[in-house]
Amino acid sequence: MAAGLLLALLTGCRKDNLIPPIDTTTTPRAMGAFIENNYDLSILSAALKKTGLLDTLNQGGPFTLFAPDNNAFNNMGIRGTEDVARMNTDSLRLMLRYHLIRNRYFTSTFPQQLDNKYPTLAGEQIYVSVLKTATTTPDQETFVNGALIYPDSKRNIALANGVIHILAKPLKLTQATVQDYIAADTSLTLFAAAMKKFNLWDGLKTNKPVTVFAPTNSAFDKYGITAAKIAAMNVADYDPIVFAIYPIEMRPLHIFAPDGHLIPNPSPLGYGGLKAGIYSITPGYSYNSYSGEETSGVSISKWKNAYWYPNEEGPSEVNYKNGLVNADHLCNNGIVHVIDDLFLNPDLMKR
């Protein structure tokens, strides 16, 4: 619902924005008219009408709109226009304004790097990353806050008063810290308890930026770890990385789920990953342009004998809870990814 879509921002490394190209489009249709007459954007159209923003997109500009299609809204639990009608108008307006930036930006405008920052009409920034690889065509992989801008005809839709890019999922905005986000999620109570027990909890509020992989209660259940067991743990008996691995040792990181292509190698012999102790955490992502499917996961490797091996103290790969819908929760001091397994089995991490 609207509250579930609203997520906030943090401050990453400062990068200068490029000046957008001059608008030379002669296409007569305005952005609002295009959306209103596109069946795949019917939920977005209903939301824009409810908030009065459709009129804004029929005049003035130029604007760049990152537009979630119906499937993107469906994956977030918004099934149709009747769900839009039940939303709080002010919250919905804020969320939609978060998808809008001033001026016309084609995907070729965005530099090939992580976290190009652009201010939105909501007053908060979005982060655009361009992840080109040797196996993709130029300008292929472009993301906003971790959400894919679809390729080919679904991007760079030039209209009279701006340009539209179709997104695979709505952008999420919350005005709370990583700690606040985790505390409010009832599926993360055991993770919160473990972070408190191991003196990591306060860092989720004060550190900025911080990227956290947060395992669900069911992930702890797999290993027989209850709230009582966490409370009874003697912190000194465990390798500190046992839970410090989830916020990547509180290192200043701002990593979305698809960012793995641009993560530097943790060692000369390793591959791209986030170094945490002797472990490497690597977000993986791919998009199949033929089926339109996104696949993702997080790999865990261990440095041993001068080489990276599959994780020995837990799974070598975990998934995001219910897929990418539970990745990339952007908060005002970091990013939370909700995962379905533990990186490390605490019983195997005793000194």
Protein backbone atom coordinates (compact mmCIF):
# COMPACT_ATOMS: atom_id res chain seq x y z
CA MET A 1 0.00 0.00 0.00
CA ALA A 2 1.09 3.66 0.03
CA ALA A 3 2.91 3.39 3.34
CA GLY A 4 4.77 0.36 2.09
CA LEU A 5 5.98 2.28 -0.94
CA LEU A 6 7.22 5.30 0.92
CA LEU A 7 10.89 5.08 1.71
CA ALA A 8 13.61 7.76 2.18
CA LEU A 9 17.12 8.63 1.23
CA LEU A 10 20.60 8.75 2.44
CA THR A 11 23.58 10.75 1.37
CA GLY A 12 26.14 8.96 -0.76
CA CYS A 13 29.31 10.27 -2.38
CA ARG A 14 28.73 13.62 -4.01
CA LYS A 15 28.64 13.56 -7.79
CA ASP A 16 27.92 16.47 -10.10
CA ASN A 17 24.84 16.18 -12.28
CA LEU A 18 25.20 16.64 -16.02
CA ILE A 19 23.27 19.36 -17.82
CA PRO A 20 20.40 17.71 -19.72
CA PRO A 21 20.16 18.16 -23.49
CA ILE A 22 18.05 20.98 -24.86
CA ASP A 23 14.46 19.96 -25.60
CA THR A 24 14.07 19.82 -29.37
CA THR A 25 11.13 17.38 -29.38
CA THR A 26 8.24 18.31 -31.68
CA THR A 27 5.97 15.41 -30.63
CA PRO A 28 2.59 17.04 -29.87
CA ARG A 29 1.47 14.73 -27.07
CA ALA A 30 2.19 15.75 -23.50
CA MET A 31 3.37 13.25 -20.89
CA GLY A 32 0.03 13.19 -19.10
CA ALA A 33 -1.87 12.37 -22.29
CA PHE A 34 0.56 9.59 -23.14
CA ILE A 35 0.13 8.00 -19.69
CA GLU A 36 -3.66 8.36 -19.74
CA ASN A 37 -3.89 6.52 -23.05
CA ASN A 38 -1.45 3.70 -22.23
CA TYR A 39 -3.11 0.58 -20.80
CA ASP A 40 0.10 -0.66 -19.17
CA LEU A 41 0.23 2.58 -17.18
CA SER A 42 -3.41 2.59 -16.02
CA ILE A 43 -2.58 2.31 -12.31
CA LEU A 44 -0.08 5.16 -12.59
CA SER A 45 -2.67 7.18 -14.49
CA ALA A 46 -5.25 6.65 -11.73
CA ALA A 47 -2.71 7.68 -9.10
CA LEU A 48 -1.77 10.82 -11.00
CA LYS A 49 -5.43 11.76 -11.41
CA LYS A 50 -6.19 11.21 -7.72
CA THR A 51 -3.35 13.52 -6.69
CA GLY A 52 -3.88 16.19 -9.36
CA LEU A 53 -0.47 15.52 -10.88
CA LEU A 54 -1.81 14.41 -14.25
CA ASP A 55 -2.59 18.05 -15.05
CA THR A 56 1.01 18.94 -14.13
CA LEU A 57 2.26 16.44 -16.70
CA ASN A 58 0.00 17.89 -19.37
CA GLN A 59 1.60 21.30 -19.17
CA GLY A 60 4.88 22.99 -18.36
CA GLY A 61 8.05 21.04 -18.00
CA PRO A 62 10.25 19.70 -19.20
CA PHE A 63 10.20 16.78 -16.74
CA THR A 64 11.73 13.35 -16.55
CA LEU A 65 9.34 10.75 -15.16
CA PHE A 66 10.41 7.32 -13.95
CA ALA A 67 7.12 5.51 -14.48
CA PRO A 68 6.29 2.14 -12.86
CA ASP A 69 4.04 0.06 -15.10
CA ASN A 70 1.06 -1.98 -13.89
CA ASN A 71 3.18 -5.06 -13.30
CA ALA A 72 5.54 -3.06 -11.11
CA PHE A 73 2.64 -1.87 -8.94
CA ASN A 74 1.16 -5.40 -8.85
CA ASN A 75 4.40 -6.77 -7.44
CA MET A 76 4.15 -4.25 -4.60
CA GLY A 77 0.61 -5.35 -3.73
CA ILE A 78 -1.26 -2.65 -5.66
CA ARG A 79 -3.51 -4.72 -7.91
CA GLY A 80 -5.62 -2.07 -9.62
CA THR A 81 -7.22 1.35 -9.56
CA GLU A 82 -9.45 0.33 -6.63
CA ASP A 83 -6.33 0.03 -4.45
CA VAL A 84 -5.24 3.48 -5.57
CA ALA A 85 -8.63 4.90 -4.55
CA ARG A 86 -8.07 3.68 -0.97
CA MET A 87 -4.67 5.32 -0.60
CA ASN A 88 -3.97 8.46 1.38
CA THR A 89 -3.85 11.25 -1.19
CA ASP A 90 -1.01 13.22 0.42
CA SER A 91 1.22 10.15 0.85
CA LEU A 92 0.50 9.07 -2.70
CA ARG A 93 1.31 12.53 -4.05
CA LEU A 94 4.65 12.52 -2.23
CA MET A 95 5.48 9.10 -3.64
CA LEU A 96 4.63 10.16 -7.20
CA ARG A 97 6.59 13.40 -6.94
CA TYR A 98 9.55 11.26 -5.90
CA HIS A 99 9.44 9.73 -9.40
CA LEU A 100 9.76 13.14 -11.09
CA ILE A 101 12.81 15.29 -11.76
CA ARG A 102 12.99 18.57 -13.65
CA ASN A 103 14.50 18.79 -17.12
CA ARG A 104 14.81 16.13 -19.78
CA TYR A 105 17.26 13.30 -19.05
CA PHE A 106 17.80 10.52 -21.55
CA THR A 107 19.57 7.41 -20.28
CA SER A 108 22.65 8.36 -22.28
CA THR A 109 22.88 11.44 -20.04
CA PHE A 110 23.69 9.43 -16.92
CA PRO A 111 27.40 8.70 -16.30
CA GLN A 112 28.54 5.09 -16.03
CA GLN A 113 28.94 4.90 -12.26
CA LEU A 114 27.03 4.33 -9.06
CA ASP A 115 24.78 6.87 -7.40
CA ASN A 116 24.44 9.84 -9.71
CA LYS A 117 22.24 12.05 -7.54
CA TYR A 118 19.26 14.06 -8.84
CA PRO A 119 16.76 16.09 -6.79
CA THR A 120 13.11 15.12 -7.22
CA LEU A 121 9.93 17.16 -6.97
CA ALA A 122 9.40 15.48 -3.59
CA GLY A 123 12.43 17.33 -2.23
CA GLU A 124 14.47 14.13 -1.84
CA GLN A 125 17.19 12.74 -4.06
CA ILE A 126 17.16 9.69 -6.26
CA TYR A 127 20.24 7.68 -7.24
CA VAL A 128 20.79 6.67 -10.85
CA SER A 129 23.41 3.99 -11.57
CA VAL A 130 24.60 2.90 -15.00
CA LEU A 131 26.07 -0.59 -14.98
CA LYS A 132 27.51 -1.45 -18.37
CA THR A 133 29.19 -4.82 -18.83
CA ALA A 134 31.08 -6.49 -21.65
CA THR A 135 28.06 -8.66 -22.45
CA THR A 136 25.49 -5.89 -22.70
CA THR A 137 24.90 -3.27 -25.33
CA PRO A 138 25.75 0.31 -24.44
CA ASP A 139 23.20 2.02 -22.21
CA GLN A 140 21.67 -1.37 -21.38
CA GLU A 141 21.62 -1.54 -17.61
CA THR A 142 20.37 1.63 -15.95
CA PHE A 143 18.77 1.70 -12.51
CA VAL A 144 17.06 4.23 -10.26
CA ASN A 145 17.40 3.38 -6.56
CA GLY A 146 18.02 -0.19 -7.69
CA ALA A 147 14.90 -0.30 -9.92
CA LEU A 148 15.58 -1.30 -13.53
CA ILE A 149 14.76 1.13 -16.33
CA TYR A 150 13.49 -1.26 -18.99
CA PRO A 151 15.52 -1.28 -22.23
CA ASP A 152 14.60 -0.59 -25.83
CA SER A 153 11.21 1.04 -26.46
CA LYS A 154 10.37 1.39 -22.77
CA ARG A 155 13.04 4.01 -22.13
CA ASN A 156 13.71 7.46 -23.58
CA ILE A 157 10.07 8.03 -24.56
CA ALA A 158 10.34 11.62 -25.77
CA LEU A 159 7.18 13.72 -25.49
CA ALA A 160 6.33 17.38 -25.83
CA ASN A 161 7.11 18.33 -22.26
CA GLY A 162 9.57 15.69 -21.16
CA VAL A 163 10.78 12.11 -21.29
CA ILE A 164 9.46 8.93 -19.68
CA HIS A 165 11.39 5.85 -18.58
CA ILE A 166 9.40 2.75 -17.57
CA LEU A 167 10.50 1.18 -14.27
CA ALA A 168 10.35 -2.46 -13.16
CA LYS A 169 9.29 -1.43 -9.65
CA PRO A 170 8.09 1.74 -7.90
CA LEU A 171 10.67 3.82 -6.09
CA LYS A 172 10.53 3.49 -2.32
CA LEU A 173 10.86 6.45 -0.01
CA THR A 174 11.05 6.45 3.78
CA GLN A 175 11.96 9.26 6.09
CA ALA A 176 13.50 7.13 8.82
CA THR A 177 16.84 5.58 9.72
CA VAL A 178 17.91 2.04 8.95
CA GLN A 179 17.41 1.28 12.63
CA ASP A 180 13.87 2.67 12.53
CA TYR A 181 13.05 0.62 9.45
CA ILE A 182 14.25 -2.63 11.00
CA ALA A 183 12.51 -1.90 14.31
CA ALA A 184 9.20 -1.35 12.50
CA ASP A 185 9.36 -4.60 10.51
CA THR A 186 7.84 -7.40 12.60
CA SER A 187 9.59 -10.02 10.45
CA LEU A 188 12.98 -8.74 11.64
CA THR A 189 12.59 -8.88 15.43
CA LEU A 190 15.21 -11.61 15.92
CA PHE A 191 17.70 -9.73 13.76
CA ALA A 192 17.09 -6.59 15.83
CA ALA A 193 17.63 -8.60 19.03
CA ALA A 194 20.91 -10.01 17.71
CA MET A 195 22.17 -6.59 16.67
CA LYS A 196 21.39 -5.24 20.13
CA LYS A 197 23.03 -8.22 21.87
CA PHE A 198 26.23 -7.82 19.84
CA ASN A 199 26.36 -4.02 20.34
CA LEU A 200 25.69 -3.20 16.71
CA TRP A 201 22.23 -1.68 17.06
CA ASP A 202 23.24 1.95 17.66
CA GLY A 203 25.38 1.98 14.52
CA LEU A 204 22.27 1.39 12.43
CA LYS A 205 21.07 4.81 13.51
CA THR A 206 24.29 6.83 13.66
CA ASN A 207 26.38 5.46 10.78
CA LYS A 208 25.90 7.04 7.37
CA PRO A 209 25.81 5.55 4.84
CA VAL A 210 25.34 1.92 5.84
CA THR A 211 24.13 -1.04 3.78
CA VAL A 212 22.48 -3.83 5.77
CA PHE A 213 21.44 -7.34 4.76
CA ALA A 214 18.73 -8.17 7.32
CA PRO A 215 17.70 -11.84 7.73
CA THR A 216 14.08 -12.56 8.58
CA ASN A 217 12.83 -14.36 11.68
CA SER A 218 12.28 -17.47 9.56
CA ALA A 219 15.98 -17.39 8.63
CA PHE A 220 16.88 -17.62 12.32
CA ASP A 221 14.29 -20.37 12.78
CA LYS A 222 16.19 -22.57 10.30
CA TYR A 223 19.06 -22.75 12.77
CA GLY A 224 16.94 -23.09 15.89
CA ILE A 225 17.81 -19.59 17.04
CA THR A 226 15.09 -18.09 19.23
CA ALA A 227 14.89 -14.82 21.11
CA ALA A 228 15.77 -16.71 24.28
CA LYS A 229 18.86 -18.24 22.66
CA ILE A 230 20.02 -14.82 21.47
CA ALA A 231 19.52 -13.37 24.95
CA ALA A 232 21.60 -16.21 26.45
CA MET A 233 24.53 -15.81 24.04
CA ASN A 234 27.87 -14.80 25.53
CA VAL A 235 29.21 -12.29 23.02
CA ALA A 236 32.82 -13.07 23.91
CA ASP A 237 32.33 -16.69 22.81
CA TYR A 238 31.74 -15.73 19.16
CA ASP A 239 33.82 -14.36 16.33
CA PRO A 240 32.64 -10.71 16.07
CA ILE A 241 31.94 -11.14 12.36
CA VAL A 242 29.03 -13.51 13.18
CA PHE A 243 26.59 -10.58 13.13
CA ALA A 244 28.88 -7.73 12.03
CA ILE A 245 28.79 -9.31 8.57
CA TYR A 246 25.20 -8.11 7.97
CA PRO A 247 25.99 -4.36 8.06
CA ILE A 248 29.36 -5.20 6.38
CA GLU A 249 31.18 -4.20 9.59
CA MET A 250 29.47 -0.79 9.45
CA ARG A 251 31.69 0.27 6.58
CA PRO A 252 30.41 3.37 4.72
CA LEU A 253 28.63 1.64 1.83
CA HIS A 254 25.62 2.52 -0.30
CA ILE A 255 24.91 -0.56 -2.40
CA PHE A 256 21.68 -1.42 -4.23
CA ALA A 257 20.89 -4.98 -5.29
CA PRO A 258 22.01 -4.57 -8.96
CA ASP A 259 25.26 -2.75 -8.06
CA GLY A 260 27.47 -5.85 -8.06
CA HIS A 261 28.94 -5.08 -11.48
CA LEU A 262 30.67 -1.97 -10.15
CA ILE A 263 31.80 -3.27 -6.76
CA PRO A 264 35.62 -3.37 -6.75
CA ASN A 265 37.53 -6.57 -6.03
CA PRO A 266 38.14 -7.17 -2.32
CA SER A 267 41.59 -8.59 -3.15
CA PRO A 268 43.83 -9.05 -6.20
CA LEU A 269 42.71 -12.68 -6.47
CA GLY A 270 39.06 -12.10 -5.65
CA TYR A 271 36.06 -10.93 -7.59
CA GLY A 272 33.74 -8.03 -6.96
CA GLY A 273 32.34 -8.16 -3.45
CA LEU A 274 31.86 -6.38 -0.14
CA LYS A 275 34.65 -7.41 2.20
CA ALA A 276 33.60 -8.35 5.75
CA GLY A 277 36.33 -10.05 7.74
CA ILE A 278 37.49 -13.04 5.70
CA TYR A 279 34.17 -13.15 3.83
CA SER A 280 33.00 -11.51 0.62
CA ILE A 281 29.35 -10.54 0.11
CA THR A 282 28.44 -10.13 -3.55
CA PRO A 283 25.01 -8.97 -4.76
CA GLY A 284 24.18 -10.60 -8.08
CA TYR A 285 21.68 -9.39 -10.66
CA SER A 286 20.70 -10.16 -14.24
CA TYR A 287 17.91 -9.18 -16.60
CA ASN A 288 16.66 -11.42 -19.41
CA SER A 289 15.50 -9.12 -22.18
CA TYR A 290 13.70 -11.98 -23.93
CA SER A 291 11.57 -13.15 -21.00
CA GLY A 292 11.56 -9.82 -19.19
CA GLU A 293 12.63 -11.58 -15.98
CA GLU A 294 14.98 -10.23 -13.33
CA THR A 295 17.01 -12.66 -11.24
CA SER A 296 18.99 -11.77 -8.15
CA GLY A 297 20.74 -13.19 -5.13
CA VAL A 298 23.62 -12.63 -2.74
CA SER A 299 26.74 -14.82 -2.84
CA ILE A 300 28.94 -15.43 0.19
CA SER A 301 32.57 -16.51 -0.21
CA LYS A 302 35.39 -17.19 2.24
CA TRP A 303 39.05 -16.24 1.82
CA LYS A 304 41.21 -19.27 2.54
CA ASN A 305 44.64 -20.39 1.32
CA ALA A 306 45.02 -17.32 -0.89
CA TYR A 307 41.78 -17.97 -2.76
CA TRP A 308 38.03 -17.39 -2.49
CA TYR A 309 36.04 -20.53 -1.67
CA PRO A 310 32.30 -21.11 -1.18
CA ASN A 311 31.16 -20.18 2.30
CA GLU A 312 31.85 -22.95 4.83
CA GLU A 313 29.97 -21.53 7.83
CA GLY A 314 26.66 -21.03 6.09
CA PRO A 315 25.05 -20.95 2.63
CA SER A 316 27.05 -19.87 -0.40
CA GLU A 317 24.04 -17.93 -1.69
CA VAL A 318 20.93 -16.40 -0.17
CA ASN A 319 17.91 -14.72 -1.74
CA TYR A 320 15.97 -11.58 -1.01
CA LYS A 321 12.70 -12.25 0.77
CA ASN A 322 10.08 -12.70 -1.98
CA GLY A 323 12.56 -11.49 -4.58
CA LEU A 324 13.62 -7.95 -5.44
CA VAL A 325 10.48 -6.51 -3.88
CA ASN A 326 12.32 -6.71 -0.53
CA ALA A 327 15.65 -5.37 -1.71
CA ASP A 328 16.68 -1.71 -1.90
CA HIS A 329 14.71 -0.27 1.02
CA LEU A 330 16.25 3.19 0.97
CA CYS A 331 16.41 4.99 4.30
CA ASN A 332 17.85 8.36 5.19
CA ASN A 333 21.13 6.88 6.43
CA GLY A 334 21.41 3.72 4.35
CA ILE A 335 19.86 0.80 2.53
CA VAL A 336 18.16 -2.32 3.92
CA HIS A 337 17.96 -5.59 1.98
CA VAL A 338 15.73 -8.21 3.60
CA ILE A 339 17.14 -11.72 3.04
CA ASP A 340 15.76 -15.21 3.61
CA ASP A 341 18.75 -16.93 5.26
CA LEU A 342 21.67 -16.26 7.58
CA PHE A 343 25.08 -15.63 6.07
CA LEU A 344 26.77 -17.46 8.96
CA ASN A 345 25.51 -20.16 11.32
CA PRO A 346 26.31 -18.80 14.80
CA ASP A 347 26.93 -22.32 16.14
CA LEU A 348 29.87 -22.58 13.72
CA MET A 349 31.27 -19.19 14.68
CA LYS A 350 32.28 -19.87 18.27
CA ARG A 351 35.90 -19.13 19.12
